[in-house]
């Protein structure tokens, strides 16, 4: 599979919501499926100062010895977290870890228990690696706020996967695709108006065959869904970037809002356009940029 363009890499390396944290509650952004929010500023600084740089080619396993023994932070490229067994039997689910996120290591960094699944590079990827063992010593000597932020971040990753599993189990393929596009639009989308309609443009989340693996559908189904989005919502593809009318994402946004309930924190706005407009104004930072800690 060919690698993504330099323009795609540059767009995905810029992270929103690095600084937008309210103490240890996490960023003021709803939990989205398939993609967790970027790692919080203090943890990013540790990876950039202490992490060992490693590069992986497309299809290469991030954990060749099967068991996960490291925390891996993505600098550039794209990785996938795939439900699978040791024999290679795969389930109908994969989540994405673009730059600024953990590719793996959060599930078992305290207990060291087996983390079922496969973690692979979906394109040429650069990562920073820190062993679980090294993490333990630093964590217990860290300030209380850092420990709380660490716990909050790992919790948010778990809630992200839980939302994805709910969508996998309850919604048809077309809504699953829209949920992927909505999550990606929140983190990378820019809005424009065309013929009186609001459109969102973003780097493509992944290749179509990766998207099929994510939502448990065939490549034929994915092609049909995009054809339908083209006919009804002006879906377009230009190189490694895609765009469509924001209205296409309102239904899945409303479903997530209803699923979480009226007292969710933070509450999703009624209209998806309001959420995406607010997101594009958030300060961004490159995944390899060291944040200043106040």
C-alpha atoms as a PDB file:
ATOM      1  CA  UNK A   1       0.000   0.000   0.000  1.00  0.00           C
ATOM      2  CA  UNK A   2       1.324   3.424  -0.908  1.00  0.00           C
ATOM      3  CA  UNK A   3       2.085   5.874   1.861  1.00  0.00           C
ATOM      4  CA  UNK A   4       0.051   9.008   2.398  1.00  0.00           C
ATOM      5  CA  UNK A   5       1.093  12.293   0.829  1.00  0.00           C
ATOM      6  CA  UNK A   6       3.228  14.881   2.650  1.00  0.00           C
ATOM      7  CA  UNK A   7       0.096  17.067   2.843  1.00  0.00           C
ATOM      8  CA  UNK A   8      -1.820  14.299   4.625  1.00  0.00           C
ATOM      9  CA  UNK A   9       1.066  13.727   7.036  1.00  0.00           C
ATOM     10  CA  UNK A  10       1.311  17.432   7.838  1.00  0.00           C
ATOM     11  CA  UNK A  11      -2.433  17.708   8.458  1.00  0.00           C
ATOM     12  CA  UNK A  12      -2.647  14.692  10.783  1.00  0.00           C
ATOM     13  CA  UNK A  13       0.469  15.663  12.750  1.00  0.00           C
ATOM     14  CA  UNK A  14      -1.310  18.754  14.063  1.00  0.00           C
ATOM     15  CA  UNK A  15      -3.246  17.865  17.232  1.00  0.00           C
ATOM     16  CA  UNK A  16      -6.264  19.628  18.674  1.00  0.00           C
ATOM     17  CA  UNK A  17      -7.271  19.512  22.366  1.00  0.00           C
ATOM     18  CA  UNK A  18      -3.753  19.099  23.778  1.00  0.00           C
ATOM     19  CA  UNK A  19      -4.218  22.054  26.114  1.00  0.00           C
ATOM     20  CA  UNK A  20      -8.000  22.154  26.436  1.00  0.00           C
ATOM     21  CA  UNK A  21      -8.102  20.196  29.719  1.00  0.00           C
ATOM     22  CA  UNK A  22     -10.229  21.059  32.728  1.00  0.00           C
ATOM     23  CA  UNK A  23      -8.039  19.720  35.526  1.00  0.00           C
ATOM     24  CA  UNK A  24      -8.219  15.902  35.363  1.00  0.00           C
ATOM     25  CA  UNK A  25     -11.596  15.706  33.627  1.00  0.00           C
ATOM     26  CA  UNK A  26      -9.880  15.592  30.263  1.00  0.00           C
ATOM     27  CA  UNK A  27     -10.354  17.875  27.273  1.00  0.00           C
ATOM     28  CA  UNK A  28     -13.712  19.595  26.928  1.00  0.00           C
ATOM     29  CA  UNK A  29     -14.641  17.474  23.968  1.00  0.00           C
ATOM     30  CA  UNK A  30     -17.123  14.569  23.841  1.00  0.00           C
ATOM     31  CA  UNK A  31     -15.923  10.989  23.771  1.00  0.00           C
ATOM     32  CA  UNK A  32     -15.651   9.944  20.128  1.00  0.00           C
ATOM     33  CA  UNK A  33     -15.418   6.397  18.747  1.00  0.00           C
ATOM     34  CA  UNK A  34     -12.441   4.932  16.895  1.00  0.00           C
ATOM     35  CA  UNK A  35      -9.968   7.722  17.783  1.00  0.00           C
ATOM     36  CA  UNK A  36      -8.954   8.860  21.273  1.00  0.00           C
ATOM     37  CA  UNK A  37      -8.026  12.499  21.938  1.00  0.00           C
ATOM     38  CA  UNK A  38      -4.319  13.407  21.866  1.00  0.00           C
ATOM     39  CA  UNK A  39      -2.200  12.630  24.904  1.00  0.00           C
ATOM     40  CA  UNK A  40      -2.197  15.418  27.485  1.00  0.00           C
ATOM     41  CA  UNK A  41       0.611  17.952  27.487  1.00  0.00           C
ATOM     42  CA  UNK A  42       2.668  16.658  30.438  1.00  0.00           C
ATOM     43  CA  UNK A  43       2.718  13.083  29.114  1.00  0.00           C
ATOM     44  CA  UNK A  44       3.701  14.275  25.630  1.00  0.00           C
ATOM     45  CA  UNK A  45       6.663  16.090  27.120  1.00  0.00           C
ATOM     46  CA  UNK A  46       7.866  12.885  28.802  1.00  0.00           C
ATOM     47  CA  UNK A  47       7.671  10.922  25.550  1.00  0.00           C
ATOM     48  CA  UNK A  48       9.538  13.636  23.651  1.00  0.00           C
ATOM     49  CA  UNK A  49      12.273  13.784  26.290  1.00  0.00           C
ATOM     50  CA  UNK A  50      12.624  10.100  27.255  1.00  0.00           C
ATOM     51  CA  UNK A  51      11.151   8.053  24.401  1.00  0.00           C
ATOM     52  CA  UNK A  52      13.222   5.884  22.075  1.00  0.00           C
ATOM     53  CA  UNK A  53      12.572   6.653  18.397  1.00  0.00           C
ATOM     54  CA  UNK A  54      11.490   3.675  16.287  1.00  0.00           C
ATOM     55  CA  UNK A  55      10.173   3.443  12.751  1.00  0.00           C
ATOM     56  CA  UNK A  56       7.753   0.855  11.361  1.00  0.00           C
ATOM     57  CA  UNK A  57       6.865  -0.001   7.776  1.00  0.00           C
ATOM     58  CA  UNK A  58       3.341  -0.589   6.513  1.00  0.00           C
ATOM     59  CA  UNK A  59       1.946  -3.821   7.958  1.00  0.00           C
ATOM     60  CA  UNK A  60       4.736  -4.216  10.514  1.00  0.00           C
ATOM     61  CA  UNK A  61       3.764  -5.229  14.033  1.00  0.00           C
ATOM     62  CA  UNK A  62       4.485  -2.716  16.796  1.00  0.00           C
ATOM     63  CA  UNK A  63       4.801  -5.583  19.276  1.00  0.00           C
ATOM     64  CA  UNK A  64       6.589  -8.447  17.471  1.00  0.00           C
ATOM     65  CA  UNK A  65       6.860 -10.521  20.654  1.00  0.00           C
ATOM     66  CA  UNK A  66       3.053 -10.503  20.962  1.00  0.00           C
ATOM     67  CA  UNK A  67       2.863  -9.273  24.545  1.00  0.00           C
ATOM     68  CA  UNK A  68       2.668  -5.519  25.073  1.00  0.00           C
ATOM     69  CA  UNK A  69       5.498  -4.327  27.290  1.00  0.00           C
ATOM     70  CA  UNK A  70       5.801  -0.671  26.197  1.00  0.00           C
ATOM     71  CA  UNK A  71       3.871   2.557  25.885  1.00  0.00           C
ATOM     72  CA  UNK A  72       4.123   3.691  22.263  1.00  0.00           C
ATOM     73  CA  UNK A  73       3.403   7.281  21.210  1.00  0.00           C
ATOM     74  CA  UNK A  74       2.799   8.041  17.522  1.00  0.00           C
ATOM     75  CA  UNK A  75       4.836  10.883  16.034  1.00  0.00           C
ATOM     76  CA  UNK A  76       3.958  10.491  12.361  1.00  0.00           C
ATOM     77  CA  UNK A  77       1.906   8.117  10.235  1.00  0.00           C
ATOM     78  CA  UNK A  78      -0.995   5.915  11.279  1.00  0.00           C
ATOM     79  CA  UNK A  79      -1.355   2.776  13.386  1.00  0.00           C
ATOM     80  CA  UNK A  80      -4.238   0.399  14.042  1.00  0.00           C
ATOM     81  CA  UNK A  81      -5.408  -1.454  17.131  1.00  0.00           C
ATOM     82  CA  UNK A  82      -7.016  -4.675  15.891  1.00  0.00           C
ATOM     83  CA  UNK A  83      -9.095  -7.199  17.808  1.00  0.00           C
ATOM     84  CA  UNK A  84      -7.308 -10.500  17.126  1.00  0.00           C
ATOM     85  CA  UNK A  85      -6.026 -13.743  18.662  1.00  0.00           C
ATOM     86  CA  UNK A  86      -2.511 -15.158  18.670  1.00  0.00           C
ATOM     87  CA  UNK A  87      -3.402 -17.401  15.738  1.00  0.00           C
ATOM     88  CA  UNK A  88      -4.277 -14.347  13.658  1.00  0.00           C
ATOM     89  CA  UNK A  89      -8.061 -14.726  13.882  1.00  0.00           C
ATOM     90  CA  UNK A  90      -9.341 -11.158  13.551  1.00  0.00           C
ATOM     91  CA  UNK A  91     -12.552  -9.655  14.794  1.00  0.00           C
ATOM     92  CA  UNK A  92     -14.659  -7.068  13.033  1.00  0.00           C
ATOM     93  CA  UNK A  93     -13.118  -4.072  14.699  1.00  0.00           C
ATOM     94  CA  UNK A  94     -10.091  -1.823  14.468  1.00  0.00           C
ATOM     95  CA  UNK A  95      -9.388   1.573  16.012  1.00  0.00           C
ATOM     96  CA  UNK A  96      -6.958   4.210  14.758  1.00  0.00           C
ATOM     97  CA  UNK A  97      -4.027   5.886  16.464  1.00  0.00           C
ATOM     98  CA  UNK A  98      -2.857   8.899  14.446  1.00  0.00           C
ATOM     99  CA  UNK A  99      -0.055  11.207  15.634  1.00  0.00           C
ATOM    100  CA  UNK A 100      -0.171  12.522  19.178  1.00  0.00           C
ATOM    101  CA  UNK A 101      -1.905   9.409  20.520  1.00  0.00           C
ATOM    102  CA  UNK A 102      -0.839   6.175  22.164  1.00  0.00           C
ATOM    103  CA  UNK A 103      -0.613   3.307  19.711  1.00  0.00           C
ATOM    104  CA  UNK A 104      -0.589   0.749  22.509  1.00  0.00           C
ATOM    105  CA  UNK A 105       0.484   0.103  26.076  1.00  0.00           C
ATOM    106  CA  UNK A 106      -2.311   1.801  28.017  1.00  0.00           C
ATOM    107  CA  UNK A 107      -4.426  -1.310  28.603  1.00  0.00           C
ATOM    108  CA  UNK A 108      -1.922  -3.230  30.700  1.00  0.00           C
ATOM    109  CA  UNK A 109       0.760  -0.799  31.819  1.00  0.00           C
ATOM    110  CA  UNK A 110       0.016  -1.415  35.519  1.00  0.00           C
ATOM    111  CA  UNK A 111      -0.647  -5.176  35.610  1.00  0.00           C
ATOM    112  CA  UNK A 112       1.365  -6.421  32.646  1.00  0.00           C
ATOM    113  CA  UNK A 113      -1.476  -8.810  31.813  1.00  0.00           C
ATOM    114  CA  UNK A 114      -1.968 -10.032  28.256  1.00  0.00           C
ATOM    115  CA  UNK A 115      -3.589  -7.428  25.992  1.00  0.00           C
ATOM    116  CA  UNK A 116      -5.424  -9.434  23.332  1.00  0.00           C
ATOM    117  CA  UNK A 117      -5.034  -7.925  19.901  1.00  0.00           C
ATOM    118  CA  UNK A 118      -2.589  -6.841  17.232  1.00  0.00           C
ATOM    119  CA  UNK A 119      -1.014  -3.423  16.870  1.00  0.00           C
ATOM    120  CA  UNK A 120       0.241  -2.593  13.382  1.00  0.00           C
ATOM    121  CA  UNK A 121       1.522   0.295  11.282  1.00  0.00           C
ATOM    122  CA  UNK A 122      -1.012   1.167   8.575  1.00  0.00           C
ATOM    123  CA  UNK A 123       1.561   3.334   6.795  1.00  0.00           C
ATOM    124  CA  UNK A 124       5.206   4.213   7.395  1.00  0.00           C
ATOM    125  CA  UNK A 125       5.145   5.326  11.025  1.00  0.00           C
ATOM    126  CA  UNK A 126       7.509   7.010  13.479  1.00  0.00           C
ATOM    127  CA  UNK A 127       6.948   6.349  17.178  1.00  0.00           C
ATOM    128  CA  UNK A 128       8.463   7.030  20.589  1.00  0.00           C
ATOM    129  CA  UNK A 129       8.688   4.061  22.945  1.00  0.00           C
ATOM    130  CA  UNK A 130       8.966   3.892  26.740  1.00  0.00           C
ATOM    131  CA  UNK A 131       8.870   0.581  28.625  1.00  0.00           C
ATOM    132  CA  UNK A 132       6.191  -0.104  31.206  1.00  0.00           C
ATOM    133  CA  UNK A 133       8.912  -0.777  33.756  1.00  0.00           C
ATOM    134  CA  UNK A 134      10.419   2.692  33.279  1.00  0.00           C
ATOM    135  CA  UNK A 135       6.971   4.242  33.508  1.00  0.00           C
ATOM    136  CA  UNK A 136       6.151   2.736  36.883  1.00  0.00           C
ATOM    137  CA  UNK A 137       9.036   4.345  38.733  1.00  0.00           C
ATOM    138  CA  UNK A 138       8.306   7.779  37.304  1.00  0.00           C
ATOM    139  CA  UNK A 139       4.552   7.606  37.831  1.00  0.00           C
ATOM    140  CA  UNK A 140       4.566   7.068  41.579  1.00  0.00           C
ATOM    141  CA  UNK A 141       6.970   9.964  42.105  1.00  0.00           C
ATOM    142  CA  UNK A 142       4.916  12.313  39.936  1.00  0.00           C
ATOM    143  CA  UNK A 143       2.657  15.108  41.253  1.00  0.00           C
ATOM    144  CA  UNK A 144      -0.882  14.097  42.125  1.00  0.00           C
ATOM    145  CA  UNK A 145      -2.344  16.089  39.234  1.00  0.00           C
ATOM    146  CA  UNK A 146      -0.184  14.180  36.753  1.00  0.00           C
ATOM    147  CA  UNK A 147      -1.368  10.844  38.192  1.00  0.00           C
ATOM    148  CA  UNK A 148      -4.981  12.009  37.936  1.00  0.00           C
ATOM    149  CA  UNK A 149      -4.479  13.142  34.345  1.00  0.00           C
ATOM    150  CA  UNK A 150      -2.890   9.790  33.495  1.00  0.00           C
ATOM    151  CA  UNK A 151      -5.841   7.925  34.990  1.00  0.00           C
ATOM    152  CA  UNK A 152      -8.278  10.221  33.176  1.00  0.00           C
ATOM    153  CA  UNK A 153      -6.556   9.752  29.833  1.00  0.00           C
ATOM    154  CA  UNK A 154      -6.514   5.965  30.057  1.00  0.00           C
ATOM    155  CA  UNK A 155     -10.179   6.085  31.070  1.00  0.00           C
ATOM    156  CA  UNK A 156     -11.072   8.223  28.060  1.00  0.00           C
ATOM    157  CA  UNK A 157      -9.350   5.742  25.742  1.00  0.00           C
ATOM    158  CA  UNK A 158     -11.487   2.984  27.260  1.00  0.00           C
ATOM    159  CA  UNK A 159     -14.652   5.038  26.815  1.00  0.00           C
ATOM    160  CA  UNK A 160     -13.649   5.687  23.203  1.00  0.00           C
ATOM    161  CA  UNK A 161     -13.482   1.949  22.538  1.00  0.00           C
ATOM    162  CA  UNK A 162     -16.759   1.387  24.406  1.00  0.00           C
ATOM    163  CA  UNK A 163     -18.520   3.903  22.155  1.00  0.00           C
ATOM    164  CA  UNK A 164     -17.094   2.138  19.098  1.00  0.00           C
ATOM    165  CA  UNK A 165     -18.257  -1.272  20.346  1.00  0.00           C
ATOM    166  CA  UNK A 166     -21.764   0.117  20.913  1.00  0.00           C
ATOM    167  CA  UNK A 167     -21.856   1.483  17.364  1.00  0.00           C
ATOM    168  CA  UNK A 168     -20.546  -1.830  16.011  1.00  0.00           C
ATOM    169  CA  UNK A 169     -23.260  -3.782  17.820  1.00  0.00           C
ATOM    170  CA  UNK A 170     -26.237  -1.485  17.330  1.00  0.00           C
ATOM    171  CA  UNK A 171     -25.930   0.424  14.054  1.00  0.00           C
ATOM    172  CA  UNK A 172     -25.793  -0.500  10.345  1.00  0.00           C
ATOM    173  CA  UNK A 173     -22.657  -0.119   8.240  1.00  0.00           C
ATOM    174  CA  UNK A 174     -23.566   3.290   6.806  1.00  0.00           C
ATOM    175  CA  UNK A 175     -23.875   4.789  10.302  1.00  0.00           C
ATOM    176  CA  UNK A 176     -20.626   3.156  11.361  1.00  0.00           C
ATOM    177  CA  UNK A 177     -18.851   4.851   8.453  1.00  0.00           C
ATOM    178  CA  UNK A 178     -20.437   8.176   9.381  1.00  0.00           C
ATOM    179  CA  UNK A 179     -19.255   7.736  12.974  1.00  0.00           C
ATOM    180  CA  UNK A 180     -15.661   7.337  11.748  1.00  0.00           C
ATOM    181  CA  UNK A 181     -15.995  10.445   9.574  1.00  0.00           C
ATOM    182  CA  UNK A 182     -17.493  12.433  12.469  1.00  0.00           C
ATOM    183  CA  UNK A 183     -14.664  11.524  14.847  1.00  0.00           C
ATOM    184  CA  UNK A 184     -12.086  12.441  12.212  1.00  0.00           C
ATOM    185  CA  UNK A 185     -13.873  15.690  11.387  1.00  0.00           C
ATOM    186  CA  UNK A 186     -13.772  16.730  15.043  1.00  0.00           C
ATOM    187  CA  UNK A 187     -10.000  16.311  15.175  1.00  0.00           C
ATOM    188  CA  UNK A 188      -9.030  17.407  11.659  1.00  0.00           C
ATOM    189  CA  UNK A 189     -11.964  18.974   9.822  1.00  0.00           C
ATOM    190  CA  UNK A 190     -12.137  22.499   8.419  1.00  0.00           C
ATOM    191  CA  UNK A 191     -15.450  24.072   7.407  1.00  0.00           C
ATOM    192  CA  UNK A 192     -16.424  26.020   4.321  1.00  0.00           C
ATOM    193  CA  UNK A 193     -19.709  27.088   2.772  1.00  0.00           C
ATOM    194  CA  UNK A 194     -20.619  26.038  -0.749  1.00  0.00           C
ATOM    195  CA  UNK A 195     -23.934  26.752  -2.472  1.00  0.00           C
ATOM    196  CA  UNK A 196     -25.469  27.665   0.861  1.00  0.00           C
ATOM    197  CA  UNK A 197     -24.430  24.409   2.555  1.00  0.00           C
ATOM    198  CA  UNK A 198     -21.757  23.858   5.168  1.00  0.00           C
ATOM    199  CA  UNK A 199     -19.041  21.397   4.137  1.00  0.00           C
ATOM    200  CA  UNK A 200     -16.242  19.761   6.087  1.00  0.00           C
ATOM    201  CA  UNK A 201     -12.891  18.903   4.502  1.00  0.00           C
ATOM    202  CA  UNK A 202     -10.388  16.604   6.193  1.00  0.00           C
ATOM    203  CA  UNK A 203      -7.551  14.198   5.496  1.00  0.00           C
ATOM    204  CA  UNK A 204      -9.004  10.756   4.767  1.00  0.00           C
ATOM    205  CA  UNK A 205      -9.087   8.691   7.990  1.00  0.00           C
ATOM    206  CA  UNK A 206      -7.440   5.712   6.271  1.00  0.00           C
ATOM    207  CA  UNK A 207      -7.577   3.626   3.108  1.00  0.00           C
ATOM    208  CA  UNK A 208     -10.942   2.069   2.211  1.00  0.00           C
ATOM    209  CA  UNK A 209      -9.790  -1.464   2.982  1.00  0.00           C
ATOM    210  CA  UNK A 210      -8.684  -0.274   6.454  1.00  0.00           C
ATOM    211  CA  UNK A 211     -12.091   1.336   6.935  1.00  0.00           C
ATOM    212  CA  UNK A 212     -13.717  -1.978   6.009  1.00  0.00           C
ATOM    213  CA  UNK A 213     -11.650  -3.678   8.734  1.00  0.00           C
ATOM    214  CA  UNK A 214     -12.624  -0.976  11.230  1.00  0.00           C
ATOM    215  CA  UNK A 215     -16.375  -1.385  10.890  1.00  0.00           C
ATOM    216  CA  UNK A 216     -16.569  -5.051   9.917  1.00  0.00           C
ATOM    217  CA  UNK A 217     -17.838  -4.584   6.363  1.00  0.00           C
ATOM    218  CA  UNK A 218     -16.708  -5.593   2.886  1.00  0.00           C
ATOM    219  CA  UNK A 219     -14.879  -3.281   0.524  1.00  0.00           C
ATOM    220  CA  UNK A 220     -17.926  -3.481  -1.773  1.00  0.00           C
ATOM    221  CA  UNK A 221     -20.110  -2.161   1.047  1.00  0.00           C
ATOM    222  CA  UNK A 222     -17.684   0.705   1.699  1.00  0.00           C
ATOM    223  CA  UNK A 223     -17.737   1.655  -1.995  1.00  0.00           C
ATOM    224  CA  UNK A 224     -21.553   1.646  -2.006  1.00  0.00           C
ATOM    225  CA  UNK A 225     -21.699   3.831   1.103  1.00  0.00           C
ATOM    226  CA  UNK A 226     -19.375   6.423  -0.397  1.00  0.00           C
ATOM    227  CA  UNK A 227     -21.364   6.370  -3.627  1.00  0.00           C
ATOM    228  CA  UNK A 228     -24.515   7.071  -1.622  1.00  0.00           C
ATOM    229  CA  UNK A 229     -22.774   9.886   0.274  1.00  0.00           C
ATOM    230  CA  UNK A 230     -21.695  11.339  -3.062  1.00  0.00           C
ATOM    231  CA  UNK A 231     -25.257  11.285  -4.409  1.00  0.00           C
ATOM    232  CA  UNK A 232     -26.930  12.727  -1.316  1.00  0.00           C
ATOM    233  CA  UNK A 233     -24.275  14.792   0.478  1.00  0.00           C
ATOM    234  CA  UNK A 234     -21.764  15.790  -2.185  1.00  0.00           C
ATOM    235  CA  UNK A 235     -18.976  13.508  -0.984  1.00  0.00           C
ATOM    236  CA  UNK A 236     -15.741  14.234  -2.865  1.00  0.00           C
ATOM    237  CA  UNK A 237     -12.211  12.909  -2.780  1.00  0.00           C
ATOM    238  CA  UNK A 238      -9.151  14.909  -3.805  1.00  0.00           C
ATOM    239  CA  UNK A 239      -5.919  12.990  -3.368  1.00  0.00           C
ATOM    240  CA  UNK A 240      -5.667  11.981   0.288  1.00  0.00           C
ATOM    241  CA  UNK A 241      -8.386  14.439   1.375  1.00  0.00           C
ATOM    242  CA  UNK A 242     -12.162  14.085   1.448  1.00  0.00           C
ATOM    243  CA  UNK A 243     -15.083  16.464   1.901  1.00  0.00           C
ATOM    244  CA  UNK A 244     -18.853  16.244   2.325  1.00  0.00           C
ATOM    245  CA  UNK A 245     -21.803  18.230   3.599  1.00  0.00           C
ATOM    246  CA  UNK A 246     -21.914  18.486   7.394  1.00  0.00           C
ATOM    247  CA  UNK A 247     -25.598  17.555   7.304  1.00  0.00           C
ATOM    248  CA  UNK A 248     -24.525  13.970   6.546  1.00  0.00           C
ATOM    249  CA  UNK A 249     -23.116  13.683  10.081  1.00  0.00           C
ATOM    250  CA  UNK A 250     -26.079  15.119  12.012  1.00  0.00           C
ATOM    251  CA  UNK A 251     -27.886  11.789  12.431  1.00  0.00           C
ATOM    252  CA  UNK A 252     -24.971   9.895  13.975  1.00  0.00           C
ATOM    253  CA  UNK A 253     -24.156  12.926  16.118  1.00  0.00           C
ATOM    254  CA  UNK A 254     -27.739  12.942  17.437  1.00  0.00           C
ATOM    255  CA  UNK A 255     -27.517   9.205  18.149  1.00  0.00           C
ATOM    256  CA  UNK A 256     -24.367   9.659  20.245  1.00  0.00           C
ATOM    257  CA  UNK A 257     -25.957  12.589  22.084  1.00  0.00           C
ATOM    258  CA  UNK A 258     -29.038  10.539  22.915  1.00  0.00           C
ATOM    259  CA  UNK A 259     -26.982   7.447  23.875  1.00  0.00           C
ATOM    260  CA  UNK A 260     -25.010   9.422  26.466  1.00  0.00           C
ATOM    261  CA  UNK A 261     -28.065  11.039  28.053  1.00  0.00           C
ATOM    262  CA  UNK A 262     -29.019  14.569  28.979  1.00  0.00           C
ATOM    263  CA  UNK A 263     -26.600  14.907  31.907  1.00  0.00           C
ATOM    264  CA  UNK A 264     -23.441  13.900  30.026  1.00  0.00           C
ATOM    265  CA  UNK A 265     -20.256  15.883  30.711  1.00  0.00           C
ATOM    266  CA  UNK A 266     -19.339  17.563  28.484  1.00  0.00           C
ATOM    267  CA  UNK A 267     -22.705  17.669  26.725  1.00  0.00           C
ATOM    268  CA  UNK A 268     -22.716  17.417  22.947  1.00  0.00           C
ATOM    269  CA  UNK A 269     -24.404  20.424  21.336  1.00  0.00           C
ATOM    270  CA  UNK A 270     -27.702  19.756  19.590  1.00  0.00           C
ATOM    271  CA  UNK A 271     -26.237  20.491  16.165  1.00  0.00           C
ATOM    272  CA  UNK A 272     -23.115  18.802  14.854  1.00  0.00           C
ATOM    273  CA  UNK A 273     -22.137  21.972  12.991  1.00  0.00           C
ATOM    274  CA  UNK A 274     -21.761  23.823  16.295  1.00  0.00           C
ATOM    275  CA  UNK A 275     -19.352  21.173  17.589  1.00  0.00           C
ATOM    276  CA  UNK A 276     -17.242  21.214  14.435  1.00  0.00           C
ATOM    277  CA  UNK A 277     -17.152  25.031  14.263  1.00  0.00           C
ATOM    278  CA  UNK A 278     -15.861  25.182  17.845  1.00  0.00           C
ATOM    279  CA  UNK A 279     -13.295  22.434  17.169  1.00  0.00           C
ATOM    280  CA  UNK A 280     -11.651  24.141  14.224  1.00  0.00           C
ATOM    281  CA  UNK A 281     -10.891  27.190  16.380  1.00  0.00           C
ATOM    282  CA  UNK A 282      -9.015  25.146  19.027  1.00  0.00           C
ATOM    283  CA  UNK A 283      -5.266  25.736  19.354  1.00  0.00           C
ATOM    284  CA  UNK A 284      -3.201  22.999  17.691  1.00  0.00           C
ATOM    285  CA  UNK A 285       0.270  21.602  18.242  1.00  0.00           C
ATOM    286  CA  UNK A 286       2.424  19.225  16.216  1.00  0.00           C
ATOM    287  CA  UNK A 287       2.832  15.728  17.633  1.00  0.00           C
ATOM    288  CA  UNK A 288       6.620  16.233  17.795  1.00  0.00           C
ATOM    289  CA  UNK A 289       6.394  19.674  19.419  1.00  0.00           C
ATOM    290  CA  UNK A 290       7.305  19.843  23.109  1.00  0.00           C
ATOM    291  CA  UNK A 291       4.610  21.688  25.087  1.00  0.00           C
ATOM    292  CA  UNK A 292       5.416  24.232  27.756  1.00  0.00           C
ATOM    293  CA  UNK A 293       4.053  23.120  31.121  1.00  0.00           C
ATOM    294  CA  UNK A 294       2.702  25.822  33.415  1.00  0.00           C
END
